[in-house]
Amino acid sequence: MDKLFTLQDAVNLTGPRVFNIMIKPAGSSCNLDCSYCYYLDKAVQYGGREAVMPSELLETLIRQYCEACEADELSFCWHGGEPLLLGLDFFRKAMEFEARYAGGRKTNNSVQTNGTLLNAEWCRFFAKNGFLVGISLDGPKDIHDSYRLSKSRKPTFDKVMEAVRLLRVYGVDFNTLSVVNARCEGRGAEIYLFFRDVVKSRYMQFLPAVEHVVDIAGYHRPVIVAPDREGARIAPWSVSAAGYGQFLCDIFDEWSRRDVGQVFVQIFDATLAGWCGVQPGVCSMGETCGENLTVEHNGDVYCCDHFVYPHYLLGNIREHSLKEIFDSAARVQFGLDKRNTLPRECLTCEWYRACHGECPKHRFQDSGPVNYLCSGLKAFYEHAAPTMDYMKRLLESNLPPSLAMRRK
């Protein structure tokens, strides 16, 4: 099974070279100290130094990506840590480099931010340059402030809500990214309605928090590590499989009754895509992965931002071009392993078409041979199946899936 290579794999390798990059220009540097942040602790891996991508390396990265990616449009995703720590001048230079090297192609930029540094000047810049801003917000105040605190352990909810207000005032497109943690269990409908009615988010992402931690002397909190690290244990704020499944079911019930076609929830869009046999648009639900490279502040490149560990380092753009790194056997094998390392029970599961094993980061010894979230995802798919079946029939008849709401 580990050598399986399909016709679609061959098409992917011989077709145009199209891939995405997530850029970490500030590395794991951040003005917050979120308990569950799997990226803050990358500072340990990089020697604890404050990370800054120098201008010459920024130019090299943008040039190499423009040369390597053969897409009609180019997409730059700025992430962290907190990328806004680098200031507006850094991003102004990035826009200059994109214009210089894109070869006339359209460039799309998105930035993921905790929102606490946003002000009118940032919003004007984002509006002018057509940025999509992802705002990290976990839900109502008591949920958000449970884990998303400043370095001085102060709550951040009010600052984030002010950032949302500014984005709306200046007409900046935004979506919300929410970490589904232990505090969210049993509150799915409440959280969804908060985003729909209070935040007025029309594009929502809900990402499950499942991490492993160890205690390291000298650190004020448990350090997030790879699951196979000796002594690693499931973090206490991780969502349970059953809790995650119920969370999705509760949100789905609210969404499918009133909001299909008006509110877009990433996992529901991906599920419908899987139902229809098309690419889901999110790597965790694809059959294979490895087409979303992460570039660190020093030019190190990894297959995925959930696998920024020394073992998964593909190379550095100072030594090898991004084109060479993307074409490397290690990158290709990482992507194929998403499917080829699945147990038979996954490949024969009736829900494989939708889940494809979900993200490999959630497969580890504690969960046996299958994904840690497997039972929760199965519960969600069983719950959503009648509606998804009907939406598929609507699409096959060239009708909008929003008509499914008439059946509720």
Protein backbone atom coordinates (compact mmCIF):
# COMPACT_ATOMS: atom_id res chain seq x y z
CA MET A 1 0.00 0.00 0.00
CA ASP A 2 2.85 2.39 0.75
CA LYS A 3 3.88 2.30 -2.94
CA LEU A 4 0.43 3.07 -4.38
CA PHE A 5 0.65 5.59 -7.23
CA THR A 6 -2.54 6.46 -9.07
CA LEU A 7 -3.31 8.02 -12.43
CA GLN A 8 -4.34 11.20 -10.60
CA ASP A 9 -0.96 11.22 -8.85
CA ALA A 10 0.71 11.08 -12.26
CA VAL A 11 -1.47 13.93 -13.54
CA ASN A 12 -0.55 16.03 -10.52
CA LEU A 13 3.16 15.46 -11.08
CA THR A 14 3.18 16.03 -14.85
CA GLY A 15 0.73 18.91 -15.03
CA PRO A 16 1.48 22.57 -14.38
CA ARG A 17 3.38 23.22 -11.17
CA VAL A 18 0.72 24.83 -8.99
CA PHE A 19 1.14 25.18 -5.25
CA ASN A 20 0.53 27.53 -2.36
CA ILE A 21 2.91 29.02 0.17
CA MET A 22 2.32 30.02 3.74
CA ILE A 23 4.94 32.57 4.73
CA LYS A 24 6.00 32.95 8.37
CA PRO A 25 7.94 36.25 8.16
CA ALA A 26 7.98 36.70 11.93
CA GLY A 27 8.36 32.99 12.64
CA SER A 28 6.73 32.18 15.96
CA SER A 29 7.10 35.72 17.33
CA CYS A 30 3.79 36.91 18.72
CA ASN A 31 2.40 39.48 21.13
CA LEU A 32 -0.01 36.87 22.54
CA ASP A 33 0.61 33.73 24.57
CA CYS A 34 -2.23 31.44 23.51
CA SER A 35 -2.17 28.22 25.51
CA TYR A 36 -2.88 25.96 22.55
CA CYS A 37 -0.68 27.67 19.92
CA TYR A 38 1.39 24.97 18.25
CA TYR A 39 3.61 27.63 16.68
CA LEU A 40 4.79 29.63 19.67
CA ASP A 41 7.03 26.78 20.75
CA LYS A 42 8.89 26.75 17.42
CA ALA A 43 11.04 29.41 19.07
CA VAL A 44 12.63 26.54 20.98
CA GLN A 45 13.49 24.86 17.67
CA TYR A 46 15.01 28.07 16.31
CA GLY A 47 17.08 28.93 19.35
CA GLY A 48 14.60 31.26 21.04
CA ARG A 49 15.59 34.25 18.91
CA GLU A 50 13.15 36.91 17.73
CA ALA A 51 12.42 36.12 14.10
CA VAL A 52 12.48 38.64 11.27
CA MET A 53 12.64 37.84 7.56
CA PRO A 54 15.19 40.26 6.04
CA SER A 55 14.25 42.27 2.98
CA GLU A 56 16.67 40.48 0.66
CA LEU A 57 15.27 37.08 1.67
CA LEU A 58 11.71 38.36 1.22
CA GLU A 59 12.59 39.40 -2.33
CA THR A 60 14.25 36.03 -3.02
CA LEU A 61 11.19 34.17 -1.79
CA ILE A 62 8.71 36.17 -3.85
CA ARG A 63 10.88 35.93 -6.96
CA GLN A 64 11.34 32.18 -6.57
CA TYR A 65 7.65 31.57 -5.99
CA CYS A 66 6.69 33.63 -9.04
CA GLU A 67 9.21 31.64 -11.11
CA ALA A 68 8.17 28.24 -9.76
CA CYS A 69 4.37 28.47 -9.59
CA GLU A 70 2.68 28.13 -12.98
CA ALA A 71 -0.79 29.19 -11.87
CA ASP A 72 -2.62 31.98 -13.68
CA GLU A 73 -2.97 33.77 -10.34
CA LEU A 74 -0.48 33.78 -7.49
CA SER A 75 -1.49 33.54 -3.85
CA PHE A 76 0.56 34.69 -0.87
CA CYS A 77 -0.58 33.68 2.61
CA TRP A 78 1.09 35.61 5.44
CA HIS A 79 0.96 33.83 8.76
CA GLY A 80 2.70 33.54 12.10
CA GLY A 81 3.20 33.97 14.94
CA GLU A 82 1.84 37.44 14.40
CA PRO A 83 2.87 38.82 10.99
CA LEU A 84 1.72 42.37 11.79
CA LEU A 85 4.65 42.65 14.23
CA LEU A 86 6.84 43.34 11.18
CA GLY A 87 5.05 46.60 10.43
CA LEU A 88 3.56 48.17 7.34
CA ASP A 89 6.86 48.90 5.60
CA PHE A 90 7.60 45.17 5.40
CA PHE A 91 4.32 44.52 3.61
CA ARG A 92 4.74 47.56 1.36
CA LYS A 93 8.03 46.02 0.18
CA ALA A 94 6.27 42.72 -0.37
CA MET A 95 3.73 44.42 -2.63
CA GLU A 96 6.58 46.02 -4.60
CA PHE A 97 8.32 42.65 -5.05
CA GLU A 98 5.09 40.95 -6.13
CA ALA A 99 4.49 43.61 -8.77
CA ARG A 100 8.08 43.26 -9.96
CA TYR A 101 8.16 39.47 -10.34
CA ALA A 102 4.59 38.32 -11.01
CA GLY A 103 4.95 38.79 -14.75
CA GLY A 104 1.64 40.57 -15.08
CA ARG A 105 -0.31 37.85 -13.29
CA LYS A 106 -2.81 38.77 -10.62
CA THR A 107 -1.60 38.33 -7.05
CA ASN A 108 -3.85 37.52 -4.12
CA ASN A 109 -2.79 38.18 -0.55
CA SER A 110 -4.23 36.92 2.71
CA VAL A 111 -2.98 37.49 6.23
CA GLN A 112 -3.87 35.66 9.42
CA THR A 113 -3.78 37.92 12.47
CA ASN A 114 -4.88 37.90 16.09
CA GLY A 115 -6.31 41.37 15.40
CA THR A 116 -4.90 43.13 18.45
CA LEU A 117 -2.51 45.29 16.39
CA LEU A 118 -5.01 46.32 13.75
CA ASN A 119 -5.72 50.03 13.37
CA ALA A 120 -7.05 52.39 10.71
CA GLU A 121 -3.71 52.55 8.87
CA TRP A 122 -3.49 48.79 8.57
CA CYS A 123 -7.09 48.61 7.38
CA ARG A 124 -6.51 51.25 4.70
CA PHE A 125 -3.49 49.29 3.48
CA PHE A 126 -5.41 46.01 3.36
CA ALA A 127 -8.35 47.61 1.56
CA LYS A 128 -6.09 49.30 -1.00
CA ASN A 129 -4.19 46.10 -1.76
CA GLY A 130 -7.16 43.75 -1.71
CA PHE A 131 -6.04 41.63 1.23
CA LEU A 132 -8.27 38.98 2.72
CA VAL A 133 -7.81 39.20 6.48
CA GLY A 134 -8.25 36.14 8.65
CA ILE A 135 -9.15 37.05 12.22
CA SER A 136 -8.41 34.57 15.00
CA LEU A 137 -11.45 34.57 17.28
CA ASP A 138 -12.70 31.53 19.16
CA GLY A 139 -16.23 32.61 20.08
CA PRO A 140 -17.95 34.55 22.86
CA LYS A 141 -15.80 36.34 25.42
CA ASP A 142 -15.58 33.58 28.02
CA ILE A 143 -14.43 31.02 25.43
CA HIS A 144 -12.02 33.32 23.62
CA ASP A 145 -10.39 34.65 26.78
CA SER A 146 -9.89 31.20 28.23
CA TYR A 147 -6.83 30.57 26.09
CA ARG A 148 -6.11 33.64 23.94
CA LEU A 149 -4.29 35.91 26.37
CA SER A 150 -1.55 38.51 26.03
CA LYS A 151 2.01 37.99 27.22
CA SER A 152 0.96 39.67 30.49
CA ARG A 153 -1.98 37.21 30.75
CA LYS A 154 -4.59 39.86 29.92
CA PRO A 155 -7.77 39.04 27.96
CA THR A 156 -7.89 40.00 24.28
CA PHE A 157 -11.54 39.60 23.26
CA ASP A 158 -12.43 43.30 23.32
CA LYS A 159 -9.43 44.25 21.16
CA VAL A 160 -10.29 41.58 18.59
CA MET A 161 -13.90 42.74 18.40
CA GLU A 162 -12.66 46.30 17.83
CA ALA A 163 -10.50 44.96 15.00
CA VAL A 164 -13.57 43.34 13.44
CA ARG A 165 -15.40 46.66 13.67
CA LEU A 166 -12.53 48.46 11.92
CA LEU A 167 -12.40 45.89 9.13
CA ARG A 168 -16.10 46.45 8.45
CA VAL A 169 -15.73 50.26 8.59
CA TYR A 170 -12.94 50.22 5.99
CA GLY A 171 -14.53 47.58 3.79
CA VAL A 172 -11.82 44.95 4.25
CA ASP A 173 -12.80 41.40 3.36
CA PHE A 174 -12.33 39.10 6.32
CA ASN A 175 -13.06 35.62 7.55
CA THR A 176 -12.89 34.11 11.00
CA LEU A 177 -10.67 31.28 12.14
CA SER A 178 -11.71 29.59 15.37
CA VAL A 179 -9.91 26.94 17.36
CA VAL A 180 -12.32 24.29 18.61
CA ASN A 181 -10.99 23.39 22.05
CA ALA A 182 -12.31 21.68 25.15
CA ARG A 183 -14.20 24.81 26.24
CA CYS A 184 -16.20 24.73 22.99
CA GLU A 185 -17.73 21.32 23.57
CA GLY A 186 -21.51 21.46 23.86
CA ARG A 187 -21.65 25.06 22.62
CA GLY A 188 -21.51 24.64 18.84
CA ALA A 189 -24.82 26.32 18.01
CA GLU A 190 -24.12 29.20 20.39
CA ILE A 191 -20.69 29.79 18.86
CA TYR A 192 -22.03 29.66 15.30
CA LEU A 193 -24.81 32.15 16.07
CA PHE A 194 -22.28 34.45 17.73
CA PHE A 195 -20.21 34.55 14.56
CA ARG A 196 -23.22 34.91 12.30
CA ASP A 197 -25.18 37.52 14.25
CA VAL A 198 -22.63 39.43 16.32
CA VAL A 199 -19.38 39.21 14.36
CA LYS A 200 -21.30 38.99 11.07
CA SER A 201 -18.72 36.62 9.65
CA ARG A 202 -19.76 35.10 6.35
CA TYR A 203 -16.70 32.85 5.97
CA MET A 204 -15.90 30.65 8.96
CA GLN A 205 -13.18 28.13 9.68
CA PHE A 206 -13.35 25.85 12.70
CA LEU A 207 -10.07 24.03 13.39
CA PRO A 208 -9.88 21.30 16.03
CA ALA A 209 -7.23 21.72 18.73
CA VAL A 210 -5.46 18.40 19.20
CA GLU A 211 -1.91 18.75 20.44
CA HIS A 212 0.68 16.95 22.55
CA VAL A 213 2.73 18.57 25.29
CA VAL A 214 5.67 17.86 27.61
CA ASP A 215 6.98 19.71 30.61
CA ILE A 216 10.36 21.39 30.11
CA ALA A 217 12.26 23.02 32.94
CA GLY A 218 12.34 26.80 32.69
CA TYR A 219 9.13 27.18 30.67
CA HIS A 220 6.04 28.67 32.28
CA ARG A 221 3.69 26.28 30.54
CA PRO A 222 3.76 22.84 28.90
CA VAL A 223 5.56 22.91 25.56
CA ILE A 224 3.79 21.61 22.44
CA VAL A 225 5.77 18.84 20.75
CA ALA A 226 5.42 16.16 18.09
CA PRO A 227 3.20 13.24 19.19
CA ASP A 228 6.10 10.78 19.04
CA ARG A 229 8.22 12.79 21.49
CA GLU A 230 9.08 10.73 24.55
CA GLY A 231 6.74 11.57 27.41
CA ALA A 232 4.29 13.48 25.20
CA ARG A 233 0.69 13.56 26.39
CA ILE A 234 -2.54 14.94 24.96
CA ALA A 235 -2.91 18.58 25.98
CA PRO A 236 -5.79 19.20 28.41
CA TRP A 237 -7.38 21.83 26.17
CA SER A 238 -7.65 19.42 23.21
CA VAL A 239 -11.16 18.77 21.95
CA SER A 240 -12.42 15.19 22.26
CA ALA A 241 -13.46 13.27 19.17
CA ALA A 242 -17.06 13.01 20.40
CA GLY A 243 -17.11 16.68 21.37
CA TYR A 244 -15.82 17.76 17.96
CA GLY A 245 -18.36 15.60 16.14
CA GLN A 246 -21.25 17.03 18.16
CA PHE A 247 -19.89 20.55 17.67
CA LEU A 248 -20.03 20.08 13.89
CA CYS A 249 -23.50 18.53 14.02
CA ASP A 250 -24.89 21.43 16.06
CA ILE A 251 -23.42 24.04 13.72
CA PHE A 252 -24.58 22.11 10.67
CA ASP A 253 -28.18 22.09 11.94
CA GLU A 254 -28.18 25.87 12.30
CA TRP A 255 -26.41 26.47 8.97
CA SER A 256 -28.46 24.02 6.88
CA ARG A 257 -31.78 25.45 8.10
CA ARG A 258 -31.18 29.10 7.19
CA ASP A 259 -27.75 29.97 5.84
CA VAL A 260 -26.77 27.79 2.88
CA GLY A 261 -25.40 30.08 0.19
CA GLN A 262 -25.21 33.01 2.60
CA VAL A 263 -22.70 31.79 5.18
CA PHE A 264 -19.76 29.62 4.14
CA VAL A 265 -18.29 27.17 6.63
CA GLN A 266 -15.08 25.64 5.29
CA ILE A 267 -15.62 22.09 6.50
CA PHE A 268 -19.18 21.99 5.11
CA ASP A 269 -17.96 23.21 1.71
CA ALA A 270 -15.19 20.58 1.79
CA THR A 271 -17.66 17.87 2.79
CA LEU A 272 -20.01 18.70 -0.08
CA ALA A 273 -17.06 18.67 -2.48
CA GLY A 274 -16.08 15.21 -1.27
CA TRP A 275 -19.69 14.07 -1.66
CA CYS A 276 -19.54 15.21 -5.28
CA GLY A 277 -16.13 13.70 -5.99
CA VAL A 278 -14.29 16.96 -6.60
CA GLN A 279 -11.29 18.54 -4.94
CA PRO A 280 -12.32 19.83 -1.51
CA GLY A 281 -10.27 23.04 -1.48
CA VAL A 282 -8.76 22.25 1.92
CA CYS A 283 -5.72 20.01 2.20
CA SER A 284 -6.85 18.08 5.29
CA MET A 285 -9.79 16.61 3.37
CA GLY A 286 -7.87 15.82 0.17
CA GLU A 287 -6.70 12.36 -0.82
CA THR A 288 -3.09 13.54 -0.86
CA CYS A 289 -1.40 16.73 0.31
CA GLY A 290 1.97 18.48 0.22
CA GLU A 291 0.98 21.36 -2.05
CA ASN A 292 0.87 23.99 0.69
CA LEU A 293 4.49 24.71 1.55
CA THR A 294 5.44 26.64 4.66
CA VAL A 295 8.40 29.04 4.48
CA GLU A 296 10.01 30.10 7.74
CA HIS A 297 11.54 33.50 8.52
CA ASN A 298 15.04 32.21 7.67
CA GLY A 299 14.07 30.54 4.38
CA ASP A 300 13.57 27.00 5.68
CA VAL A 301 10.79 25.19 3.80
CA TYR A 302 8.51 22.50 5.20
CA CYS A 303 5.75 20.38 3.67
CA CYS A 304 3.12 21.82 6.01
CA ASP A 305 2.94 24.25 8.91
CA HIS A 306 1.74 21.41 11.18
CA PHE A 307 4.98 19.56 10.44
CA VAL A 308 7.61 22.19 11.18
CA TYR A 309 9.95 19.72 12.83
CA PRO A 310 13.57 19.04 11.82
CA HIS A 311 12.66 15.66 10.33
CA TYR A 312 10.37 17.32 7.77
CA LEU A 313 12.71 20.09 6.63
CA LEU A 314 12.81 20.08 2.81
CA GLY A 315 15.55 22.66 2.35
CA ASN A 316 16.31 26.36 2.46
CA ILE A 317 15.67 28.81 -0.37
CA ARG A 318 19.16 30.30 0.08
CA GLU A 319 20.60 26.93 -0.96
CA HIS A 320 17.93 25.43 -3.22
CA SER A 321 15.28 27.16 -5.29
CA LEU A 322 11.64 26.84 -4.32
CA LYS A 323 11.12 25.07 -7.64
CA GLU A 324 13.71 22.43 -6.72
CA ILE A 325 12.25 22.02 -3.27
CA PHE A 326 8.70 21.57 -4.55
CA ASP A 327 9.86 19.03 -7.13
CA SER A 328 11.86 17.06 -4.56
CA ALA A 329 11.12 13.40 -3.88
CA ALA A 330 10.72 14.13 -0.16
CA ARG A 331 7.92 16.62 -0.81
CA VAL A 332 6.14 14.25 -3.21
CA GLN A 333 6.43 11.33 -0.81
CA PHE A 334 5.06 13.38 2.08
CA GLY A 335 1.97 14.15 0.02
CA LEU A 336 1.43 10.55 -1.06
CA ASP A 337 1.89 9.26 2.47
CA LYS A 338 -1.33 11.00 3.52
CA ARG A 339 -3.20 8.29 1.62
CA ASN A 340 -0.68 5.47 1.47
CA THR A 341 -0.16 5.16 5.23
CA LEU A 342 -3.87 4.84 6.00
CA PRO A 343 -5.07 1.51 7.41
CA ARG A 344 -7.42 -0.61 5.33
CA GLU A 345 -10.35 0.25 7.58
CA CYS A 346 -10.04 3.88 6.46
CA LEU A 347 -9.78 3.08 2.75
CA THR A 348 -12.89 0.90 2.89
CA CYS A 349 -14.90 3.26 5.09
CA GLU A 350 -18.09 4.65 3.56
CA TRP A 351 -17.02 8.15 4.57
CA TYR A 352 -13.55 7.98 3.00
CA ARG A 353 -14.83 10.06 0.05
CA ALA A 354 -15.40 12.99 2.40
CA CYS A 355 -12.64 12.66 4.97
CA HIS A 356 -9.71 10.90 3.20
CA GLY A 357 -8.26 10.24 6.62
CA GLU A 358 -8.39 13.97 7.57
CA CYS A 359 -5.11 15.62 8.59
CA PRO A 360 -2.11 13.32 9.21
CA LYS A 361 -1.23 15.40 12.28
CA HIS A 362 -4.18 13.75 14.02
CA ARG A 363 -2.90 10.23 13.47
CA PHE A 364 -0.74 9.07 16.33
CA GLN A 365 -0.25 6.18 18.71
CA ASP A 366 -2.92 7.30 21.18
CA SER A 367 -5.62 6.94 18.53
CA GLY A 368 -4.58 3.55 17.19
CA PRO A 369 -4.30 3.16 13.41
CA VAL A 370 -6.97 5.75 12.59
CA ASN A 371 -7.37 9.47 13.04
CA TYR A 372 -7.88 10.70 16.62
CA LEU A 373 -11.04 12.52 15.45
CA CYS A 374 -12.40 9.56 13.46
CA SER A 375 -15.43 8.72 15.62
CA GLY A 376 -16.47 12.38 15.76
CA LEU A 377 -16.14 12.84 12.02
CA LYS A 378 -18.16 9.68 11.39
CA ALA A 379 -20.91 10.99 13.65
CA PHE A 380 -20.97 14.26 11.71
CA TYR A 381 -21.06 12.57 8.29
CA GLU A 382 -23.87 10.25 9.36
CA HIS A 383 -25.80 13.24 10.67
CA ALA A 384 -25.23 15.37 7.57
CA ALA A 385 -25.65 12.61 4.98
CA PRO A 386 -29.35 13.13 4.08
CA THR A 387 -28.79 16.84 3.47
CA MET A 388 -25.52 16.27 1.63
CA ASP A 389 -27.17 13.64 -0.59
CA TYR A 390 -29.91 16.11 -1.48
CA MET A 391 -27.45 18.94 -2.13
CA LYS A 392 -25.51 16.64 -4.45
CA ARG A 393 -28.69 15.85 -6.41
CA LEU A 394 -29.43 19.57 -6.68
CA LEU A 395 -25.97 20.29 -8.06
CA GLU A 396 -26.27 17.42 -10.55
CA SER A 397 -29.47 19.11 -11.77
CA ASN A 398 -27.67 22.47 -12.06
CA LEU A 399 -29.63 23.82 -9.11
CA PRO A 400 -28.17 25.68 -6.09
CA PRO A 401 -27.66 23.64 -2.91
CA SER A 402 -29.44 26.42 -1.02
CA LEU A 403 -32.72 24.87 -2.20
CA ALA A 404 -32.10 22.16 0.39
CA MET A 405 -33.27 24.62 3.01
CA ARG A 406 -36.83 24.23 1.72
CA ARG A 407 -36.85 20.67 3.06
CA LYS A 408 -36.11 21.77 6.65
